[in-house]
Amino acid sequence: MAIILITGGARSGKSKRAEMRTRTFPGQPVYVATAEALDAEMEARIAKHRERRGTDWIEREVPLDLVPALVATDGGGARLVDCLTLWLSNLLHAERNWEHEVNALAAALPSLKSPVVFVTNEVGLGIVPDNALARLYRDAAGIMNQVIAAASNEVEFVIAGLPMKLK
């Protein structure tokens, strides 16, 4: 069973790449959205993603409980989780143990039957953030990406819409 991690910077083309990769698997694709429309700007972003994807996807909104959602949707089409870094932000905001949640996700992946394509942001390529919360988030995202990359069969880095195979 394929576990694919697609990472890159903001507006790098990683979501578009992940959608294309997810569609290569048989069955109706499942879009597992971790974003919450908490303001008008995020509502517009979500609408843009929905418009690009079209109507042939099954959608699940899952801001926190990712492992149960993957288990519940297993056995059908491939799942696209967009994105892990928003999920991480949600976990931090909810004051949940993000390390436990990330490790639980990695541990659950080998038992899944249907493919999973993850999107995540590479946030550690810039300057060191000037505040503790931003540094915590950057460090947590780096650790999470390493854990999920290790559990993945394939890892791609997308720059300017161009994928580079890392694993």
C-alpha atoms as a PDB file:
ATOM      1  CA  MET A   1       0.000   0.000   0.000  1.00  0.00           C
ATOM      2  CA  ALA A   2       1.359   3.397  -0.991  1.00  0.00           C
ATOM      3  CA  ILE A   3       2.094   6.100   1.566  1.00  0.00           C
ATOM      4  CA  ILE A   4       3.259   9.253  -0.223  1.00  0.00           C
ATOM      5  CA  LEU A   5       4.456  12.469   1.410  1.00  0.00           C
ATOM      6  CA  ILE A   6       4.563  15.609  -0.721  1.00  0.00           C
ATOM      7  CA  THR A   7       6.267  18.623   0.799  1.00  0.00           C
ATOM      8  CA  GLY A   8       7.277  22.077  -0.343  1.00  0.00           C
ATOM      9  CA  GLY A   9       6.900  25.743   0.414  1.00  0.00           C
ATOM     10  CA  ALA A  10       3.813  27.925   0.224  1.00  0.00           C
ATOM     11  CA  ARG A  11       2.296  28.039  -3.267  1.00  0.00           C
ATOM     12  CA  SER A  12       4.865  25.567  -4.573  1.00  0.00           C
ATOM     13  CA  GLY A  13       2.260  23.391  -6.316  1.00  0.00           C
ATOM     14  CA  LYS A  14       2.309  20.597  -3.753  1.00  0.00           C
ATOM     15  CA  SER A  15      -1.500  20.317  -3.382  1.00  0.00           C
ATOM     16  CA  LYS A  16      -2.000  20.181  -7.139  1.00  0.00           C
ATOM     17  CA  ARG A  17       0.707  17.508  -7.370  1.00  0.00           C
ATOM     18  CA  ALA A  18      -0.890  15.541  -4.524  1.00  0.00           C
ATOM     19  CA  GLU A  19      -4.301  15.671  -6.207  1.00  0.00           C
ATOM     20  CA  MET A  20      -2.770  14.319  -9.420  1.00  0.00           C
ATOM     21  CA  ARG A  21      -0.957  11.533  -7.565  1.00  0.00           C
ATOM     22  CA  THR A  22      -4.107  10.577  -5.628  1.00  0.00           C
ATOM     23  CA  ARG A  23      -6.123  10.307  -8.851  1.00  0.00           C
ATOM     24  CA  THR A  24      -3.688   7.706 -10.247  1.00  0.00           C
ATOM     25  CA  PHE A  25      -5.076   5.099  -7.838  1.00  0.00           C
ATOM     26  CA  PRO A  26      -8.313   3.192  -8.554  1.00  0.00           C
ATOM     27  CA  GLY A  27     -11.570   4.066  -6.816  1.00  0.00           C
ATOM     28  CA  GLN A  28     -13.192   7.326  -5.840  1.00  0.00           C
ATOM     29  CA  PRO A  29     -10.626   9.596  -4.164  1.00  0.00           C
ATOM     30  CA  VAL A  30     -11.206  10.867  -0.636  1.00  0.00           C
ATOM     31  CA  TYR A  31     -10.105  14.380   0.307  1.00  0.00           C
ATOM     32  CA  VAL A  32      -9.320  14.649   4.024  1.00  0.00           C
ATOM     33  CA  ALA A  33      -9.258  18.370   4.796  1.00  0.00           C
ATOM     34  CA  THR A  34      -7.557  19.501   7.989  1.00  0.00           C
ATOM     35  CA  ALA A  35      -8.247  23.224   7.478  1.00  0.00           C
ATOM     36  CA  GLU A  36     -11.013  25.024   9.274  1.00  0.00           C
ATOM     37  CA  ALA A  37     -12.744  28.009   7.673  1.00  0.00           C
ATOM     38  CA  LEU A  38     -12.309  30.340  10.628  1.00  0.00           C
ATOM     39  CA  ASP A  39     -12.243  33.535   8.551  1.00  0.00           C
ATOM     40  CA  ALA A  40     -13.139  34.842   5.087  1.00  0.00           C
ATOM     41  CA  GLU A  41      -9.613  34.433   3.734  1.00  0.00           C
ATOM     42  CA  MET A  42      -9.515  30.753   4.699  1.00  0.00           C
ATOM     43  CA  GLU A  43     -13.018  30.247   3.274  1.00  0.00           C
ATOM     44  CA  ALA A  44     -11.723  31.599  -0.054  1.00  0.00           C
ATOM     45  CA  ARG A  45      -8.694  29.277   0.021  1.00  0.00           C
ATOM     46  CA  ILE A  46     -10.898  26.259   0.707  1.00  0.00           C
ATOM     47  CA  ALA A  47     -13.280  27.260  -2.105  1.00  0.00           C
ATOM     48  CA  LYS A  48     -10.352  27.561  -4.528  1.00  0.00           C
ATOM     49  CA  HIS A  49      -9.134  24.061  -3.645  1.00  0.00           C
ATOM     50  CA  ARG A  50     -12.656  22.625  -4.048  1.00  0.00           C
ATOM     51  CA  GLU A  51     -13.096  24.300  -7.427  1.00  0.00           C
ATOM     52  CA  ARG A  52      -9.770  22.946  -8.706  1.00  0.00           C
ATOM     53  CA  ARG A  53     -10.531  19.406  -7.511  1.00  0.00           C
ATOM     54  CA  GLY A  54     -14.015  19.179  -8.964  1.00  0.00           C
ATOM     55  CA  THR A  55     -16.938  17.188  -7.622  1.00  0.00           C
ATOM     56  CA  ASP A  56     -15.704  13.599  -7.963  1.00  0.00           C
ATOM     57  CA  TRP A  57     -14.044  13.553  -4.533  1.00  0.00           C
ATOM     58  CA  ILE A  58     -15.541  12.334  -1.272  1.00  0.00           C
ATOM     59  CA  GLU A  59     -14.777  15.064   1.280  1.00  0.00           C
ATOM     60  CA  ARG A  60     -14.066  14.642   4.993  1.00  0.00           C
ATOM     61  CA  GLU A  61     -13.324  17.602   7.253  1.00  0.00           C
ATOM     62  CA  VAL A  62     -10.934  16.410   9.939  1.00  0.00           C
ATOM     63  CA  PRO A  63      -9.192  19.174  11.882  1.00  0.00           C
ATOM     64  CA  LEU A  64      -7.933  16.927  14.719  1.00  0.00           C
ATOM     65  CA  ASP A  65      -8.767  13.206  14.661  1.00  0.00           C
ATOM     66  CA  LEU A  66      -6.777  12.135  11.619  1.00  0.00           C
ATOM     67  CA  VAL A  67      -6.064   8.493  12.487  1.00  0.00           C
ATOM     68  CA  PRO A  68      -9.751   7.600  13.077  1.00  0.00           C
ATOM     69  CA  ALA A  69     -10.659   9.340   9.794  1.00  0.00           C
ATOM     70  CA  LEU A  70      -8.074   7.317   7.863  1.00  0.00           C
ATOM     71  CA  VAL A  71      -9.296   4.093   9.458  1.00  0.00           C
ATOM     72  CA  ALA A  72     -12.945   4.986   8.723  1.00  0.00           C
ATOM     73  CA  THR A  73     -12.205   5.717   5.042  1.00  0.00           C
ATOM     74  CA  ASP A  74      -9.928   2.709   4.514  1.00  0.00           C
ATOM     75  CA  GLY A  75     -10.774   0.083   1.921  1.00  0.00           C
ATOM     76  CA  GLY A  76     -12.031   2.483  -0.761  1.00  0.00           C
ATOM     77  CA  GLY A  77     -10.211   4.976  -2.930  1.00  0.00           C
ATOM     78  CA  ALA A  78      -6.947   6.691  -2.120  1.00  0.00           C
ATOM     79  CA  ARG A  79      -7.013   9.387   0.542  1.00  0.00           C
ATOM     80  CA  LEU A  80      -5.418  12.799   0.180  1.00  0.00           C
ATOM     81  CA  VAL A  81      -4.657  14.509   3.502  1.00  0.00           C
ATOM     82  CA  ASP A  82      -4.212  18.241   2.928  1.00  0.00           C
ATOM     83  CA  CYS A  83      -2.410  19.219   5.007  1.00  0.00           C
ATOM     84  CA  LEU A  84      -0.343  17.868   7.872  1.00  0.00           C
ATOM     85  CA  THR A  85       1.008  21.267   8.906  1.00  0.00           C
ATOM     86  CA  LEU A  86      -2.515  22.643   9.362  1.00  0.00           C
ATOM     87  CA  TRP A  87      -3.339  19.509  11.351  1.00  0.00           C
ATOM     88  CA  LEU A  88      -0.279  20.181  13.514  1.00  0.00           C
ATOM     89  CA  SER A  89      -1.388  23.782  14.034  1.00  0.00           C
ATOM     90  CA  ASN A  90      -4.834  22.531  15.079  1.00  0.00           C
ATOM     91  CA  LEU A  91      -3.266  20.089  17.546  1.00  0.00           C
ATOM     92  CA  LEU A  92      -1.107  22.813  19.092  1.00  0.00           C
ATOM     93  CA  HIS A  93      -4.070  25.187  19.326  1.00  0.00           C
ATOM     94  CA  ALA A  94      -6.174  22.477  21.003  1.00  0.00           C
ATOM     95  CA  GLU A  95      -3.267  21.822  23.395  1.00  0.00           C
ATOM     96  CA  ARG A  96      -3.116  18.180  22.405  1.00  0.00           C
ATOM     97  CA  ASN A  97       0.074  16.146  22.619  1.00  0.00           C
ATOM     98  CA  TRP A  98       1.265  16.622  19.042  1.00  0.00           C
ATOM     99  CA  GLU A  99       4.200  14.207  19.399  1.00  0.00           C
ATOM    100  CA  HIS A 100       1.859  11.425  20.537  1.00  0.00           C
ATOM    101  CA  GLU A 101      -0.576  12.187  17.688  1.00  0.00           C
ATOM    102  CA  VAL A 102       2.193  12.203  15.039  1.00  0.00           C
ATOM    103  CA  ASN A 103       3.654   8.945  16.331  1.00  0.00           C
ATOM    104  CA  ALA A 104       0.175   7.377  16.423  1.00  0.00           C
ATOM    105  CA  LEU A 105      -0.340   8.414  12.797  1.00  0.00           C
ATOM    106  CA  ALA A 106       2.973   6.905  11.722  1.00  0.00           C
ATOM    107  CA  ALA A 107       2.211   3.710  13.636  1.00  0.00           C
ATOM    108  CA  ALA A 108      -1.225   3.366  11.998  1.00  0.00           C
ATOM    109  CA  LEU A 109      -0.009   3.709   8.408  1.00  0.00           C
ATOM    110  CA  PRO A 110       1.332   0.168   7.840  1.00  0.00           C
ATOM    111  CA  SER A 111      -2.052  -1.376   8.712  1.00  0.00           C
ATOM    112  CA  LEU A 112      -4.037   0.693   6.191  1.00  0.00           C
ATOM    113  CA  LYS A 113      -5.165  -0.944   2.957  1.00  0.00           C
ATOM    114  CA  SER A 114      -5.886   2.097   0.749  1.00  0.00           C
ATOM    115  CA  PRO A 115      -3.178   4.534  -0.376  1.00  0.00           C
ATOM    116  CA  VAL A 116      -2.629   7.797   1.475  1.00  0.00           C
ATOM    117  CA  VAL A 117      -1.080  10.923  -0.027  1.00  0.00           C
ATOM    118  CA  PHE A 118      -0.029  13.536   2.523  1.00  0.00           C
ATOM    119  CA  VAL A 119       0.653  17.210   1.853  1.00  0.00           C
ATOM    120  CA  THR A 120       2.878  19.098   4.258  1.00  0.00           C
ATOM    121  CA  ASN A 121       4.719  22.401   4.280  1.00  0.00           C
ATOM    122  CA  GLU A 122       8.458  22.684   4.606  1.00  0.00           C
ATOM    123  CA  VAL A 123       8.623  25.576   7.057  1.00  0.00           C
ATOM    124  CA  GLY A 124      12.219  25.281   8.256  1.00  0.00           C
ATOM    125  CA  LEU A 125      14.058  26.738   5.264  1.00  0.00           C
ATOM    126  CA  GLY A 126      13.813  30.384   6.326  1.00  0.00           C
ATOM    127  CA  ILE A 127      15.157  32.473   9.160  1.00  0.00           C
ATOM    128  CA  VAL A 128      14.737  31.531  12.802  1.00  0.00           C
ATOM    129  CA  PRO A 129      11.365  32.940  13.949  1.00  0.00           C
ATOM    130  CA  ASP A 130      11.455  35.785  16.457  1.00  0.00           C
ATOM    131  CA  ASN A 131       8.967  34.312  18.953  1.00  0.00           C
ATOM    132  CA  ALA A 132       8.691  31.133  20.976  1.00  0.00           C
ATOM    133  CA  LEU A 133       5.377  29.929  19.516  1.00  0.00           C
ATOM    134  CA  ALA A 134       6.626  30.245  15.938  1.00  0.00           C
ATOM    135  CA  ARG A 135       9.853  28.433  16.859  1.00  0.00           C
ATOM    136  CA  LEU A 136       7.854  25.648  18.544  1.00  0.00           C
ATOM    137  CA  TYR A 137       5.685  25.290  15.439  1.00  0.00           C
ATOM    138  CA  ARG A 138       8.679  25.282  13.070  1.00  0.00           C
ATOM    139  CA  ASP A 139      10.492  22.664  15.156  1.00  0.00           C
ATOM    140  CA  ALA A 140       7.374  20.505  15.574  1.00  0.00           C
ATOM    141  CA  ALA A 141       6.700  20.632  11.818  1.00  0.00           C
ATOM    142  CA  GLY A 142      10.256  19.544  11.081  1.00  0.00           C
ATOM    143  CA  ILE A 143      10.006  16.627  13.497  1.00  0.00           C
ATOM    144  CA  MET A 144       6.563  15.635  12.185  1.00  0.00           C
ATOM    145  CA  ASN A 145       7.797  15.717   8.581  1.00  0.00           C
ATOM    146  CA  GLN A 146      10.743  13.485   9.471  1.00  0.00           C
ATOM    147  CA  VAL A 147       8.502  10.949  11.241  1.00  0.00           C
ATOM    148  CA  ILE A 148       5.978  10.766   8.389  1.00  0.00           C
ATOM    149  CA  ALA A 149       8.721  10.727   5.728  1.00  0.00           C
ATOM    150  CA  ALA A 150      10.296   7.726   7.465  1.00  0.00           C
ATOM    151  CA  ALA A 151       6.913   5.945   7.417  1.00  0.00           C
ATOM    152  CA  SER A 152       6.293   6.796   3.746  1.00  0.00           C
ATOM    153  CA  ASN A 153       7.136   4.729   0.683  1.00  0.00           C
ATOM    154  CA  GLU A 154       7.686   7.861  -1.395  1.00  0.00           C
ATOM    155  CA  VAL A 155       8.594  11.461  -0.590  1.00  0.00           C
ATOM    156  CA  GLU A 156       8.537  14.346  -3.067  1.00  0.00           C
ATOM    157  CA  PHE A 157       9.649  17.951  -2.680  1.00  0.00           C
ATOM    158  CA  VAL A 158       7.825  20.415  -4.950  1.00  0.00           C
ATOM    159  CA  ILE A 159       9.447  23.689  -6.021  1.00  0.00           C
ATOM    160  CA  ALA A 160       7.827  26.053  -8.547  1.00  0.00           C
ATOM    161  CA  GLY A 161       5.391  23.295  -9.526  1.00  0.00           C
ATOM    162  CA  LEU A 162       8.196  20.836 -10.230  1.00  0.00           C
ATOM    163  CA  PRO A 163       8.405  17.650  -8.164  1.00  0.00           C
ATOM    164  CA  MET A 164      11.735  16.237  -7.030  1.00  0.00           C
ATOM    165  CA  LYS A 165      11.745  12.640  -5.828  1.00  0.00           C
ATOM    166  CA  LEU A 166      13.523  12.322  -2.479  1.00  0.00           C
ATOM    167  CA  LYS A 167      12.553   8.757  -1.592  1.00  0.00           C
END
